[in-house]
All heavy atoms as atom14 arrays in JSON, in Angstrom:
{
  "sequence": "VYVPHNEVVLPEESRIRGEHIAEYAKSMDDEEKNAKFANYIRCGLS",
  "atom14_mask": [
    [1, 1, 1, 1, 1, 1, 1, 0, 0, 0, 0, 0, 0, 0],
    [1, 1, 1, 1, 1, 1, 1, 1, 1, 1, 1, 1, 0, 0],
    [1, 1, 1, 1, 1, 1, 1, 0, 0, 0, 0, 0, 0, 0],
    [1, 1, 1, 1, 1, 1, 1, 0, 0, 0, 0, 0, 0, 0],
    [1, 1, 1, 1, 1, 1, 1, 1, 1, 1, 0, 0, 0, 0],
    [1, 1, 1, 1, 1, 1, 1, 1, 0, 0, 0, 0, 0, 0],
    [1, 1, 1, 1, 1, 1, 1, 1, 1, 0, 0, 0, 0, 0],
    [1, 1, 1, 1, 1, 1, 1, 0, 0, 0, 0, 0, 0, 0],
    [1, 1, 1, 1, 1, 1, 1, 0, 0, 0, 0, 0, 0, 0],
    [1, 1, 1, 1, 1, 1, 1, 1, 0, 0, 0, 0, 0, 0],
    [1, 1, 1, 1, 1, 1, 1, 0, 0, 0, 0, 0, 0, 0],
    [1, 1, 1, 1, 1, 1, 1, 1, 1, 0, 0, 0, 0, 0],
    [1, 1, 1, 1, 1, 1, 1, 1, 1, 0, 0, 0, 0, 0],
    [1, 1, 1, 1, 1, 1, 0, 0, 0, 0, 0, 0, 0, 0],
    [1, 1, 1, 1, 1, 1, 1, 1, 1, 1, 1, 0, 0, 0],
    [1, 1, 1, 1, 1, 1, 1, 1, 0, 0, 0, 0, 0, 0],
    [1, 1, 1, 1, 1, 1, 1, 1, 1, 1, 1, 0, 0, 0],
    [1, 1, 1, 1, 0, 0, 0, 0, 0, 0, 0, 0, 0, 0],
    [1, 1, 1, 1, 1, 1, 1, 1, 1, 0, 0, 0, 0, 0],
    [1, 1, 1, 1, 1, 1, 1, 1, 1, 1, 0, 0, 0, 0],
    [1, 1, 1, 1, 1, 1, 1, 1, 0, 0, 0, 0, 0, 0],
    [1, 1, 1, 1, 1, 0, 0, 0, 0, 0, 0, 0, 0, 0],
    [1, 1, 1, 1, 1, 1, 1, 1, 1, 0, 0, 0, 0, 0],
    [1, 1, 1, 1, 1, 1, 1, 1, 1, 1, 1, 1, 0, 0],
    [1, 1, 1, 1, 1, 0, 0, 0, 0, 0, 0, 0, 0, 0],
    [1, 1, 1, 1, 1, 1, 1, 1, 1, 0, 0, 0, 0, 0],
    [1, 1, 1, 1, 1, 1, 0, 0, 0, 0, 0, 0, 0, 0],
    [1, 1, 1, 1, 1, 1, 1, 1, 0, 0, 0, 0, 0, 0],
    [1, 1, 1, 1, 1, 1, 1, 1, 0, 0, 0, 0, 0, 0],
    [1, 1, 1, 1, 1, 1, 1, 1, 0, 0, 0, 0, 0, 0],
    [1, 1, 1, 1, 1, 1, 1, 1, 1, 0, 0, 0, 0, 0],
    [1, 1, 1, 1, 1, 1, 1, 1, 1, 0, 0, 0, 0, 0],
    [1, 1, 1, 1, 1, 1, 1, 1, 1, 0, 0, 0, 0, 0],
    [1, 1, 1, 1, 1, 1, 1, 1, 0, 0, 0, 0, 0, 0],
    [1, 1, 1, 1, 1, 0, 0, 0, 0, 0, 0, 0, 0, 0],
    [1, 1, 1, 1, 1, 1, 1, 1, 1, 0, 0, 0, 0, 0],
    [1, 1, 1, 1, 1, 1, 1, 1, 1, 1, 1, 0, 0, 0],
    [1, 1, 1, 1, 1, 0, 0, 0, 0, 0, 0, 0, 0, 0],
    [1, 1, 1, 1, 1, 1, 1, 1, 0, 0, 0, 0, 0, 0],
    [1, 1, 1, 1, 1, 1, 1, 1, 1, 1, 1, 1, 0, 0],
    [1, 1, 1, 1, 1, 1, 1, 1, 0, 0, 0, 0, 0, 0],
    [1, 1, 1, 1, 1, 1, 1, 1, 1, 1, 1, 0, 0, 0],
    [1, 1, 1, 1, 1, 1, 0, 0, 0, 0, 0, 0, 0, 0],
    [1, 1, 1, 1, 0, 0, 0, 0, 0, 0, 0, 0, 0, 0],
    [1, 1, 1, 1, 1, 1, 1, 1, 0, 0, 0, 0, 0, 0],
    [1, 1, 1, 1, 1, 1, 0, 0, 0, 0, 0, 0, 0, 0]
  ],
  "atom14_positions": [
    [[97.92, 123.47, 62.69], [99.22, 122.81, 62.77], [99.12, 121.6, 61.82], [98.08, 120.83, 61.75], [99.45, 122.2, 64.19], [100.71, 121.38, 64.27], [99.52, 123.33, 65.25], [0.0, 0.0, 0.0], [0.0, 0.0, 0.0], [0.0, 0.0, 0.0], [0.0, 0.0, 0.0], [0.0, 0.0, 0.0], [0.0, 0.0, 0.0], [0.0, 0.0, 0.0]],
    [[100.19, 121.37, 61.08], [100.21, 120.33, 60.06], [100.71, 119.01, 60.8], [101.76, 118.96, 61.34], [101.11, 120.63, 58.84], [101.28, 119.39, 57.95], [100.29, 119.03, 57.11], [102.55, 118.7, 57.92], [100.48, 117.93, 56.27], [102.65, 117.67, 57.1], [101.57, 117.23, 56.23], [101.74, 116.12, 55.45], [0.0, 0.0, 0.0], [0.0, 0.0, 0.0]],
    [[99.86, 118.01, 60.69], [100.26, 116.6, 61.16], [99.92, 115.65, 60.09], [98.68, 115.51, 59.67], [99.4, 116.34, 62.56], [99.97, 114.97, 63.04], [99.54, 117.44, 63.47], [0.0, 0.0, 0.0], [0.0, 0.0, 0.0], [0.0, 0.0, 0.0], [0.0, 0.0, 0.0], [0.0, 0.0, 0.0], [0.0, 0.0, 0.0], [0.0, 0.0, 0.0]],
    [[100.76, 114.83, 59.58], [100.4, 113.82, 58.56], [99.4, 112.87, 59.19], [99.5, 112.44, 60.27], [101.84, 113.04, 58.43], [102.86, 114.05, 58.8], [102.25, 114.85, 59.92], [0.0, 0.0, 0.0], [0.0, 0.0, 0.0], [0.0, 0.0, 0.0], [0.0, 0.0, 0.0], [0.0, 0.0, 0.0], [0.0, 0.0, 0.0], [0.0, 0.0, 0.0]],
    [[98.39, 112.59, 58.35], [97.24, 111.76, 58.76], [96.49, 111.24, 57.6], [96.61, 111.74, 56.47], [96.37, 112.59, 59.72], [95.65, 113.63, 59.08], [96.17, 114.86, 58.69], [94.3, 113.75, 58.69], [95.38, 115.68, 58.06], [94.2, 114.97, 58.04], [0.0, 0.0, 0.0], [0.0, 0.0, 0.0], [0.0, 0.0, 0.0], [0.0, 0.0, 0.0]],
    [[95.5, 110.3, 57.92], [94.47, 109.88, 56.88], [93.18, 110.34, 57.36], [92.73, 110.12, 58.44], [94.58, 108.33, 56.93], [93.72, 107.79, 55.66], [92.74, 108.41, 55.31], [94.1, 106.61, 55.22], [0.0, 0.0, 0.0], [0.0, 0.0, 0.0], [0.0, 0.0, 0.0], [0.0, 0.0, 0.0], [0.0, 0.0, 0.0], [0.0, 0.0, 0.0]],
    [[92.45, 111.06, 56.48], [91.19, 111.7, 56.68], [90.13, 110.72, 57.3], [89.31, 111.11, 58.08], [90.68, 112.41, 55.57], [91.46, 113.6, 55.07], [91.17, 114.82, 55.97], [90.12, 114.86, 56.65], [92.03, 115.66, 56.02], [0.0, 0.0, 0.0], [0.0, 0.0, 0.0], [0.0, 0.0, 0.0], [0.0, 0.0, 0.0], [0.0, 0.0, 0.0]],
    [[90.33, 109.38, 56.9], [89.19, 108.52, 57.36], [89.23, 108.24, 58.85], [88.18, 107.73, 59.36], [89.41, 107.15, 56.58], [89.31, 107.33, 55.12], [90.71, 106.41, 57.0], [0.0, 0.0, 0.0], [0.0, 0.0, 0.0], [0.0, 0.0, 0.0], [0.0, 0.0, 0.0], [0.0, 0.0, 0.0], [0.0, 0.0, 0.0], [0.0, 0.0, 0.0]],
    [[90.29, 108.58, 59.53], [90.35, 108.27, 61.02], [89.6, 109.39, 61.81], [89.34, 109.16, 62.97], [91.81, 108.13, 61.47], [92.46, 106.99, 60.74], [92.57, 109.4, 61.41], [0.0, 0.0, 0.0], [0.0, 0.0, 0.0], [0.0, 0.0, 0.0], [0.0, 0.0, 0.0], [0.0, 0.0, 0.0], [0.0, 0.0, 0.0], [0.0, 0.0, 0.0]],
    [[89.38, 110.46, 61.17], [88.88, 111.6, 61.94], [87.3, 111.49, 62.19], [86.59, 111.11, 61.33], [89.09, 112.93, 61.18], [90.58, 113.23, 60.87], [90.61, 114.55, 60.03], [91.34, 113.32, 62.12], [0.0, 0.0, 0.0], [0.0, 0.0, 0.0], [0.0, 0.0, 0.0], [0.0, 0.0, 0.0], [0.0, 0.0, 0.0], [0.0, 0.0, 0.0]],
    [[86.82, 111.85, 63.38], [85.4, 111.77, 63.7], [84.61, 112.87, 62.87], [85.13, 113.76, 62.48], [85.25, 112.02, 65.22], [86.48, 112.73, 65.54], [87.6, 112.31, 64.58], [0.0, 0.0, 0.0], [0.0, 0.0, 0.0], [0.0, 0.0, 0.0], [0.0, 0.0, 0.0], [0.0, 0.0, 0.0], [0.0, 0.0, 0.0], [0.0, 0.0, 0.0]],
    [[83.29, 112.62, 62.73], [82.5, 113.55, 62.01], [82.25, 114.84, 62.83], [82.28, 114.82, 64.09], [81.12, 112.93, 61.76], [81.11, 111.72, 60.87], [79.76, 111.14, 60.66], [78.77, 111.65, 61.2], [79.6, 110.17, 59.89], [0.0, 0.0, 0.0], [0.0, 0.0, 0.0], [0.0, 0.0, 0.0], [0.0, 0.0, 0.0], [0.0, 0.0, 0.0]],
    [[82.1, 115.95, 62.04], [82.04, 117.28, 62.68], [80.85, 117.32, 63.67], [80.94, 117.82, 64.76], [81.83, 118.25, 61.71], [81.91, 119.77, 62.11], [83.3, 120.14, 62.51], [84.25, 119.62, 61.91], [83.37, 121.1, 63.4], [0.0, 0.0, 0.0], [0.0, 0.0, 0.0], [0.0, 0.0, 0.0], [0.0, 0.0, 0.0], [0.0, 0.0, 0.0]],
    [[79.71, 116.63, 63.3], [78.51, 116.67, 64.1], [78.74, 116.04, 65.49], [78.24, 116.48, 66.5], [77.39, 116.01, 63.38], [77.63, 114.64, 63.04], [0.0, 0.0, 0.0], [0.0, 0.0, 0.0], [0.0, 0.0, 0.0], [0.0, 0.0, 0.0], [0.0, 0.0, 0.0], [0.0, 0.0, 0.0], [0.0, 0.0, 0.0], [0.0, 0.0, 0.0]],
    [[79.51, 114.95, 65.42], [79.74, 114.24, 66.67], [80.76, 115.12, 67.57], [80.61, 115.08, 68.78], [80.37, 112.9, 66.36], [80.52, 112.05, 67.59], [80.92, 110.61, 67.21], [80.92, 109.75, 68.47], [79.83, 109.21, 69.02], [78.66, 109.39, 68.45], [79.89, 108.48, 70.06], [0.0, 0.0, 0.0], [0.0, 0.0, 0.0], [0.0, 0.0, 0.0]],
    [[81.73, 115.82, 66.94], [82.63, 116.56, 67.68], [81.88, 117.71, 68.38], [82.23, 118.01, 69.52], [83.73, 117.15, 66.73], [84.67, 116.11, 66.32], [84.38, 118.3, 67.35], [85.69, 116.52, 65.27], [0.0, 0.0, 0.0], [0.0, 0.0, 0.0], [0.0, 0.0, 0.0], [0.0, 0.0, 0.0], [0.0, 0.0, 0.0], [0.0, 0.0, 0.0]],
    [[80.86, 118.31, 67.66], [80.14, 119.38, 68.26], [79.04, 118.91, 69.33], [78.43, 119.72, 69.95], [79.43, 120.23, 67.14], [80.38, 120.84, 66.24], [79.66, 121.66, 65.13], [79.02, 122.84, 65.69], [77.72, 122.96, 65.82], [76.87, 122.06, 65.44], [77.19, 124.07, 66.34], [0.0, 0.0, 0.0], [0.0, 0.0, 0.0], [0.0, 0.0, 0.0]],
    [[78.92, 117.59, 69.39], [77.89, 117.09, 70.41], [76.43, 117.16, 69.83], [75.5, 117.13, 70.71], [0.0, 0.0, 0.0], [0.0, 0.0, 0.0], [0.0, 0.0, 0.0], [0.0, 0.0, 0.0], [0.0, 0.0, 0.0], [0.0, 0.0, 0.0], [0.0, 0.0, 0.0], [0.0, 0.0, 0.0], [0.0, 0.0, 0.0], [0.0, 0.0, 0.0]],
    [[76.26, 117.28, 68.55], [74.98, 117.35, 68.0], [74.2, 116.04, 68.3], [72.93, 116.02, 68.49], [74.93, 117.59, 66.54], [75.48, 118.96, 66.15], [75.63, 119.18, 64.73], [75.05, 118.32, 63.89], [76.26, 120.13, 64.25], [0.0, 0.0, 0.0], [0.0, 0.0, 0.0], [0.0, 0.0, 0.0], [0.0, 0.0, 0.0], [0.0, 0.0, 0.0]],
    [[74.78, 114.84, 68.3], [74.05, 113.63, 68.57], [73.51, 113.59, 70.05], [72.47, 113.0, 70.33], [75.04, 112.42, 68.33], [76.29, 112.42, 69.25], [77.23, 113.42, 69.24], [76.68, 111.53, 70.21], [78.19, 113.12, 70.08], [77.85, 112.02, 70.66], [0.0, 0.0, 0.0], [0.0, 0.0, 0.0], [0.0, 0.0, 0.0], [0.0, 0.0, 0.0]],
    [[74.26, 114.24, 70.99], [73.86, 114.3, 72.38], [72.58, 115.28, 72.44], [71.64, 114.94, 73.06], [74.92, 114.79, 73.21], [76.16, 113.88, 73.25], [74.34, 115.05, 74.72], [77.27, 114.38, 74.15], [0.0, 0.0, 0.0], [0.0, 0.0, 0.0], [0.0, 0.0, 0.0], [0.0, 0.0, 0.0], [0.0, 0.0, 0.0], [0.0, 0.0, 0.0]],
    [[72.76, 116.38, 71.71], [71.58, 117.36, 71.73], [70.26, 116.69, 71.15], [69.19, 116.84, 71.73], [71.9, 118.58, 70.99], [0.0, 0.0, 0.0], [0.0, 0.0, 0.0], [0.0, 0.0, 0.0], [0.0, 0.0, 0.0], [0.0, 0.0, 0.0], [0.0, 0.0, 0.0], [0.0, 0.0, 0.0], [0.0, 0.0, 0.0], [0.0, 0.0, 0.0]],
    [[70.33, 115.93, 70.08], [69.29, 115.24, 69.44], [68.75, 114.23, 70.37], [67.5, 114.02, 70.47], [69.64, 114.66, 68.11], [69.98, 115.72, 67.04], [68.76, 116.61, 66.79], [67.65, 116.09, 66.72], [69.0, 117.84, 66.56], [0.0, 0.0, 0.0], [0.0, 0.0, 0.0], [0.0, 0.0, 0.0], [0.0, 0.0, 0.0], [0.0, 0.0, 0.0]],
    [[69.63, 113.44, 70.97], [69.12, 112.4, 71.92], [68.4, 113.03, 73.06], [67.29, 112.49, 73.52], [70.41, 111.64, 72.41], [70.11, 110.54, 73.36], [69.11, 109.67, 73.16], [70.85, 110.33, 74.5], [68.76, 108.6, 73.99], [70.62, 109.37, 75.37], [69.57, 108.43, 75.16], [69.42, 107.43, 76.05], [0.0, 0.0, 0.0], [0.0, 0.0, 0.0]],
    [[68.88, 114.17, 73.65], [68.18, 114.81, 74.75], [66.83, 115.33, 74.36], [65.86, 115.35, 75.18], [69.04, 115.9, 75.29], [0.0, 0.0, 0.0], [0.0, 0.0, 0.0], [0.0, 0.0, 0.0], [0.0, 0.0, 0.0], [0.0, 0.0, 0.0], [0.0, 0.0, 0.0], [0.0, 0.0, 0.0], [0.0, 0.0, 0.0], [0.0, 0.0, 0.0]],
    [[66.62, 115.8, 73.16], [65.42, 116.31, 72.64], [64.36, 115.18, 72.56], [63.13, 115.6, 72.63], [65.59, 117.04, 71.3], [66.42, 118.32, 71.38], [66.55, 118.88, 69.95], [67.42, 120.14, 70.05], [67.69, 120.65, 68.58], [0.0, 0.0, 0.0], [0.0, 0.0, 0.0], [0.0, 0.0, 0.0], [0.0, 0.0, 0.0], [0.0, 0.0, 0.0]],
    [[64.73, 113.96, 72.38], [63.75, 112.89, 72.3], [63.28, 112.43, 73.62], [62.46, 111.54, 73.73], [64.46, 111.63, 71.52], [65.5, 111.16, 72.35], [0.0, 0.0, 0.0], [0.0, 0.0, 0.0], [0.0, 0.0, 0.0], [0.0, 0.0, 0.0], [0.0, 0.0, 0.0], [0.0, 0.0, 0.0], [0.0, 0.0, 0.0], [0.0, 0.0, 0.0]],
    [[63.79, 112.99, 74.78], [63.41, 112.44, 76.04], [62.45, 113.44, 76.72], [62.36, 114.59, 76.39], [64.64, 112.48, 76.92], [65.7, 111.49, 76.58], [67.16, 111.52, 77.67], [68.12, 110.16, 77.1], [0.0, 0.0, 0.0], [0.0, 0.0, 0.0], [0.0, 0.0, 0.0], [0.0, 0.0, 0.0], [0.0, 0.0, 0.0], [0.0, 0.0, 0.0]],
    [[61.69, 112.94, 77.7], [60.84, 113.77, 78.49], [61.84, 114.47, 79.59], [62.93, 113.89, 79.83], [59.62, 113.09, 79.12], [60.06, 111.82, 79.97], [61.08, 111.94, 80.67], [59.38, 110.75, 79.88], [0.0, 0.0, 0.0], [0.0, 0.0, 0.0], [0.0, 0.0, 0.0], [0.0, 0.0, 0.0], [0.0, 0.0, 0.0], [0.0, 0.0, 0.0]],
    [[61.26, 115.36, 80.34], [62.12, 116.16, 81.38], [62.67, 115.17, 82.44], [63.8, 115.26, 82.81], [61.31, 117.2, 82.01], [61.09, 118.34, 80.97], [61.76, 118.47, 80.03], [60.21, 119.17, 81.26], [0.0, 0.0, 0.0], [0.0, 0.0, 0.0], [0.0, 0.0, 0.0], [0.0, 0.0, 0.0], [0.0, 0.0, 0.0], [0.0, 0.0, 0.0]],
    [[61.85, 114.25, 82.89], [62.24, 113.44, 83.98], [63.46, 112.53, 83.51], [64.46, 112.31, 84.25], [61.1, 112.53, 84.49], [61.46, 111.6, 85.61], [60.28, 110.76, 86.15], [59.15, 111.03, 85.64], [60.48, 109.92, 86.95], [0.0, 0.0, 0.0], [0.0, 0.0, 0.0], [0.0, 0.0, 0.0], [0.0, 0.0, 0.0], [0.0, 0.0, 0.0]],
    [[63.29, 111.92, 82.39], [64.32, 110.98, 81.81], [65.6, 111.82, 81.54], [66.73, 111.35, 81.87], [63.8, 110.42, 80.57], [64.76, 109.32, 80.01], [64.21, 108.68, 78.72], [63.18, 109.17, 78.18], [64.91, 107.63, 78.28], [0.0, 0.0, 0.0], [0.0, 0.0, 0.0], [0.0, 0.0, 0.0], [0.0, 0.0, 0.0], [0.0, 0.0, 0.0]],
    [[65.41, 113.02, 80.97], [66.61, 113.89, 80.65], [67.31, 114.23, 81.87], [68.53, 114.19, 81.87], [66.16, 115.02, 79.85], [67.25, 115.99, 79.42], [66.75, 117.06, 78.45], [65.84, 118.03, 79.22], [65.41, 119.13, 78.34], [0.0, 0.0, 0.0], [0.0, 0.0, 0.0], [0.0, 0.0, 0.0], [0.0, 0.0, 0.0], [0.0, 0.0, 0.0]],
    [[66.57, 114.65, 82.96], [67.26, 115.06, 84.14], [68.05, 113.98, 84.76], [69.03, 114.3, 85.46], [66.22, 115.62, 85.12], [65.59, 116.97, 84.73], [66.19, 117.68, 83.92], [64.42, 117.26, 85.2], [0.0, 0.0, 0.0], [0.0, 0.0, 0.0], [0.0, 0.0, 0.0], [0.0, 0.0, 0.0], [0.0, 0.0, 0.0], [0.0, 0.0, 0.0]],
    [[67.59, 112.73, 84.64], [68.26, 111.63, 85.18], [69.51, 111.21, 84.41], [70.57, 110.93, 84.92], [67.28, 110.39, 85.3], [0.0, 0.0, 0.0], [0.0, 0.0, 0.0], [0.0, 0.0, 0.0], [0.0, 0.0, 0.0], [0.0, 0.0, 0.0], [0.0, 0.0, 0.0], [0.0, 0.0, 0.0], [0.0, 0.0, 0.0], [0.0, 0.0, 0.0]],
    [[69.31, 111.31, 83.06], [70.4, 110.83, 82.11], [71.52, 111.74, 82.13], [72.74, 111.5, 82.04], [69.84, 110.63, 80.81], [70.84, 110.07, 79.74], [71.19, 108.66, 80.04], [72.01, 108.06, 78.92], [72.36, 106.72, 79.17], [0.0, 0.0, 0.0], [0.0, 0.0, 0.0], [0.0, 0.0, 0.0], [0.0, 0.0, 0.0], [0.0, 0.0, 0.0]],
    [[71.21, 113.08, 82.16], [72.19, 114.18, 81.99], [72.34, 115.01, 83.31], [72.59, 116.21, 83.18], [71.78, 115.1, 80.85], [71.88, 114.4, 79.51], [70.67, 113.99, 78.9], [73.02, 114.09, 78.85], [70.63, 113.32, 77.68], [73.06, 113.48, 77.66], [71.84, 113.03, 77.08], [0.0, 0.0, 0.0], [0.0, 0.0, 0.0], [0.0, 0.0, 0.0]],
    [[72.23, 114.4, 84.42], [72.29, 115.1, 85.64], [73.61, 115.8, 85.86], [73.57, 116.98, 86.42], [72.13, 114.05, 86.85], [0.0, 0.0, 0.0], [0.0, 0.0, 0.0], [0.0, 0.0, 0.0], [0.0, 0.0, 0.0], [0.0, 0.0, 0.0], [0.0, 0.0, 0.0], [0.0, 0.0, 0.0], [0.0, 0.0, 0.0], [0.0, 0.0, 0.0]],
    [[74.75, 115.25, 85.48], [76.0, 115.96, 85.69], [76.07, 117.21, 84.81], [76.65, 118.22, 85.21], [77.14, 115.02, 85.2], [77.32, 113.91, 86.3], [76.92, 114.04, 87.49], [77.91, 112.82, 85.84], [0.0, 0.0, 0.0], [0.0, 0.0, 0.0], [0.0, 0.0, 0.0], [0.0, 0.0, 0.0], [0.0, 0.0, 0.0], [0.0, 0.0, 0.0]],
    [[75.56, 117.17, 83.53], [75.52, 118.39, 82.75], [74.7, 119.45, 83.41], [75.1, 120.64, 83.47], [74.98, 118.07, 81.32], [76.02, 117.34, 80.37], [75.98, 115.95, 80.25], [77.03, 118.06, 79.74], [76.84, 115.33, 79.41], [77.87, 117.46, 78.88], [77.79, 116.06, 78.72], [78.69, 115.42, 77.84], [0.0, 0.0, 0.0], [0.0, 0.0, 0.0]],
    [[73.45, 119.05, 83.73], [72.56, 119.98, 84.25], [73.0, 120.65, 85.58], [72.83, 121.83, 85.9], [71.13, 119.3, 84.44], [70.61, 118.93, 83.13], [70.17, 120.26, 85.16], [69.38, 118.04, 83.12], [0.0, 0.0, 0.0], [0.0, 0.0, 0.0], [0.0, 0.0, 0.0], [0.0, 0.0, 0.0], [0.0, 0.0, 0.0], [0.0, 0.0, 0.0]],
    [[73.7, 119.8, 86.37], [74.25, 120.27, 87.62], [75.32, 121.33, 87.48], [75.5, 122.21, 88.26], [74.87, 119.08, 88.45], [75.28, 119.42, 89.85], [75.84, 118.2, 90.61], [74.92, 117.12, 90.62], [75.21, 116.0, 89.91], [76.36, 115.79, 89.3], [74.28, 114.92, 89.98], [0.0, 0.0, 0.0], [0.0, 0.0, 0.0], [0.0, 0.0, 0.0]],
    [[75.97, 121.26, 86.35], [77.02, 122.28, 86.0], [76.44, 123.54, 85.19], [77.28, 124.32, 84.83], [78.18, 121.62, 85.16], [79.11, 120.38, 86.01], [0.0, 0.0, 0.0], [0.0, 0.0, 0.0], [0.0, 0.0, 0.0], [0.0, 0.0, 0.0], [0.0, 0.0, 0.0], [0.0, 0.0, 0.0], [0.0, 0.0, 0.0], [0.0, 0.0, 0.0]],
    [[75.15, 123.44, 85.05], [74.55, 124.65, 84.43], [74.44, 124.48, 82.89], [74.28, 125.51, 82.15], [0.0, 0.0, 0.0], [0.0, 0.0, 0.0], [0.0, 0.0, 0.0], [0.0, 0.0, 0.0], [0.0, 0.0, 0.0], [0.0, 0.0, 0.0], [0.0, 0.0, 0.0], [0.0, 0.0, 0.0], [0.0, 0.0, 0.0], [0.0, 0.0, 0.0]],
    [[74.62, 123.25, 82.32], [74.64, 123.14, 80.87], [73.46, 122.19, 80.43], [73.46, 121.03, 80.87], [75.95, 122.57, 80.38], [76.12, 122.16, 78.89], [75.94, 123.5, 78.05], [77.49, 121.55, 78.67], [0.0, 0.0, 0.0], [0.0, 0.0, 0.0], [0.0, 0.0, 0.0], [0.0, 0.0, 0.0], [0.0, 0.0, 0.0], [0.0, 0.0, 0.0]],
    [[72.59, 122.67, 79.7], [71.54, 121.87, 79.15], [72.04, 121.01, 78.04], [72.74, 121.53, 77.18], [70.35, 122.69, 78.66], [69.47, 121.87, 77.88], [0.0, 0.0, 0.0], [0.0, 0.0, 0.0], [0.0, 0.0, 0.0], [0.0, 0.0, 0.0], [0.0, 0.0, 0.0], [0.0, 0.0, 0.0], [0.0, 0.0, 0.0], [0.0, 0.0, 0.0]]
  ]
}
């Protein structure tokens, strides 16, 4: 769909895909990750 806009306002593709969350989770140990992302894990999503 065409919507007039300025490209500078759009977020980066990596952030849209959640890559920053995945990288952050990889830096944690299991206990910390389970506490920080409990809602995701409870829904079946690592």
